[in-house]
């Protein structure tokens, strides 16, 4: 066993020891870089999808809230006599709501 330990020590501490350490370090860095790039791409793609879904859900919720607020104003007006029965304001479609929202945010579809 002493022979193996001394030969290993000689390899690491000898004239090629620094080269061996440098090669090992370069391999570690390359492996780490590959793993990070692979994981980053997968996570980034999933994150973009989740953000898009959340944005679309927010649009849907804003549309429903706007419709409910319009209906609430309409019912309050009828209850308080500010508007005759049968007069109502039409609620915009979801597509029109999203287009208006995108226009306000400065986006084009």
Protein backbone atom coordinates (compact mmCIF):
# COMPACT_ATOMS: atom_id res chain seq x y z
CA UNK A 1 0.00 0.00 0.00
CA UNK A 2 2.85 2.32 0.60
CA UNK A 3 3.82 2.06 -3.04
CA UNK A 4 0.40 3.24 -4.23
CA UNK A 5 0.37 6.17 -1.82
CA UNK A 6 3.83 7.29 -2.79
CA UNK A 7 3.12 6.97 -6.50
CA UNK A 8 -0.15 8.92 -6.12
CA UNK A 9 1.67 11.55 -4.10
CA UNK A 10 4.39 11.68 -6.69
CA UNK A 11 1.83 12.17 -9.46
CA UNK A 12 0.08 15.00 -7.64
CA UNK A 13 3.18 16.68 -6.28
CA UNK A 14 5.50 15.95 -9.18
CA UNK A 15 6.21 18.05 -12.25
CA UNK A 16 2.80 17.23 -13.83
CA UNK A 17 0.79 17.73 -10.62
CA UNK A 18 -0.31 21.24 -11.54
CA UNK A 19 -1.35 20.12 -15.00
CA UNK A 20 -3.39 17.28 -13.52
CA UNK A 21 -5.08 19.67 -11.09
CA UNK A 22 -5.77 22.15 -13.88
CA UNK A 23 -7.30 19.44 -16.07
CA UNK A 24 -9.50 18.28 -13.21
CA UNK A 25 -10.63 21.87 -12.53
CA UNK A 26 -11.38 22.48 -16.21
CA UNK A 27 -13.47 19.31 -16.34
CA UNK A 28 -15.41 20.38 -13.25
CA UNK A 29 -16.09 23.82 -14.70
CA UNK A 30 -17.21 22.38 -18.04
CA UNK A 31 -19.53 19.91 -16.34
CA UNK A 32 -20.98 22.60 -14.11
CA UNK A 33 -21.51 24.93 -17.06
CA UNK A 34 -23.29 22.21 -19.04
CA UNK A 35 -25.55 21.31 -16.11
CA UNK A 36 -26.45 24.94 -15.41
CA UNK A 37 -27.18 25.72 -19.08
CA UNK A 38 -29.39 22.63 -19.43
CA UNK A 39 -31.28 23.33 -16.21
CA UNK A 40 -31.56 27.06 -17.00
CA UNK A 41 -33.15 26.45 -20.39
CA UNK A 42 -35.71 24.05 -18.95
CA UNK A 43 -36.57 26.33 -16.05
CA UNK A 44 -36.68 29.46 -18.25
CA UNK A 45 -39.09 27.82 -20.72
CA UNK A 46 -41.37 26.71 -17.89
CA UNK A 47 -41.20 30.11 -16.21
CA UNK A 48 -42.14 31.90 -19.45
CA UNK A 49 -45.16 29.62 -19.84
CA UNK A 50 -46.28 30.17 -16.25
CA UNK A 51 -45.89 33.95 -16.60
CA UNK A 52 -47.96 33.92 -19.80
CA UNK A 53 -50.67 31.86 -18.14
CA UNK A 54 -50.71 34.18 -15.12
CA UNK A 55 -50.99 37.24 -17.38
CA UNK A 56 -53.90 35.67 -19.27
CA UNK A 57 -55.62 34.75 -15.99
CA UNK A 58 -55.15 38.34 -14.80
CA UNK A 59 -56.79 39.62 -18.01
CA UNK A 60 -59.70 37.23 -17.52
CA UNK A 61 -60.16 38.30 -13.91
CA UNK A 62 -59.98 41.99 -14.84
CA UNK A 63 -62.63 41.40 -17.51
CA UNK A 64 -64.95 39.67 -15.06
CA UNK A 65 -64.42 42.38 -12.45
CA UNK A 66 -65.14 45.12 -15.00
CA UNK A 67 -68.36 43.35 -16.00
CA UNK A 68 -69.46 42.94 -12.40
CA UNK A 69 -68.69 46.57 -11.60
CA UNK A 70 -70.70 47.71 -14.63
CA UNK A 71 -73.61 45.51 -13.57
CA UNK A 72 -73.38 46.83 -10.01
CA UNK A 73 -73.52 50.45 -11.24
CA UNK A 74 -76.47 49.56 -13.47
CA UNK A 75 -78.40 47.96 -10.60
CA UNK A 76 -77.59 50.85 -8.26
CA UNK A 77 -78.83 53.33 -10.87
CA UNK A 78 -82.07 51.39 -11.32
CA UNK A 79 -82.54 51.04 -7.56
CA UNK A 80 -81.94 54.71 -6.90
CA UNK A 81 -84.09 55.81 -9.85
CA UNK A 82 -81.27 57.41 -11.83
CA UNK A 83 -81.93 55.20 -14.84
CA UNK A 84 -85.23 53.78 -16.11
CA UNK A 85 -85.69 50.01 -16.15
CA UNK A 86 -84.52 48.31 -19.32
CA UNK A 87 -81.75 50.83 -20.03
CA UNK A 88 -78.44 49.12 -19.63
CA UNK A 89 -74.90 49.54 -20.80
CA UNK A 90 -73.52 46.66 -22.85
CA UNK A 91 -70.48 44.91 -21.42
CA UNK A 92 -67.60 44.64 -23.90
CA UNK A 93 -66.44 41.26 -25.14
CA UNK A 94 -63.35 39.66 -23.68
CA UNK A 95 -61.38 40.17 -26.90
CA UNK A 96 -62.24 43.87 -26.95
CA UNK A 97 -61.27 44.13 -23.30
CA UNK A 98 -57.87 42.49 -23.91
CA UNK A 99 -57.25 44.67 -26.99
CA UNK A 100 -58.07 47.79 -24.98
CA UNK A 101 -55.86 46.61 -22.12
CA UNK A 102 -52.95 45.91 -24.50
CA UNK A 103 -53.42 49.33 -26.08
CA UNK A 104 -53.25 50.95 -22.66
CA UNK A 105 -50.07 49.05 -21.88
CA UNK A 106 -48.58 50.05 -25.23
CA UNK A 107 -48.58 46.56 -26.73
CA UNK A 108 -49.70 45.59 -30.19
CA UNK A 109 -51.27 42.23 -30.95
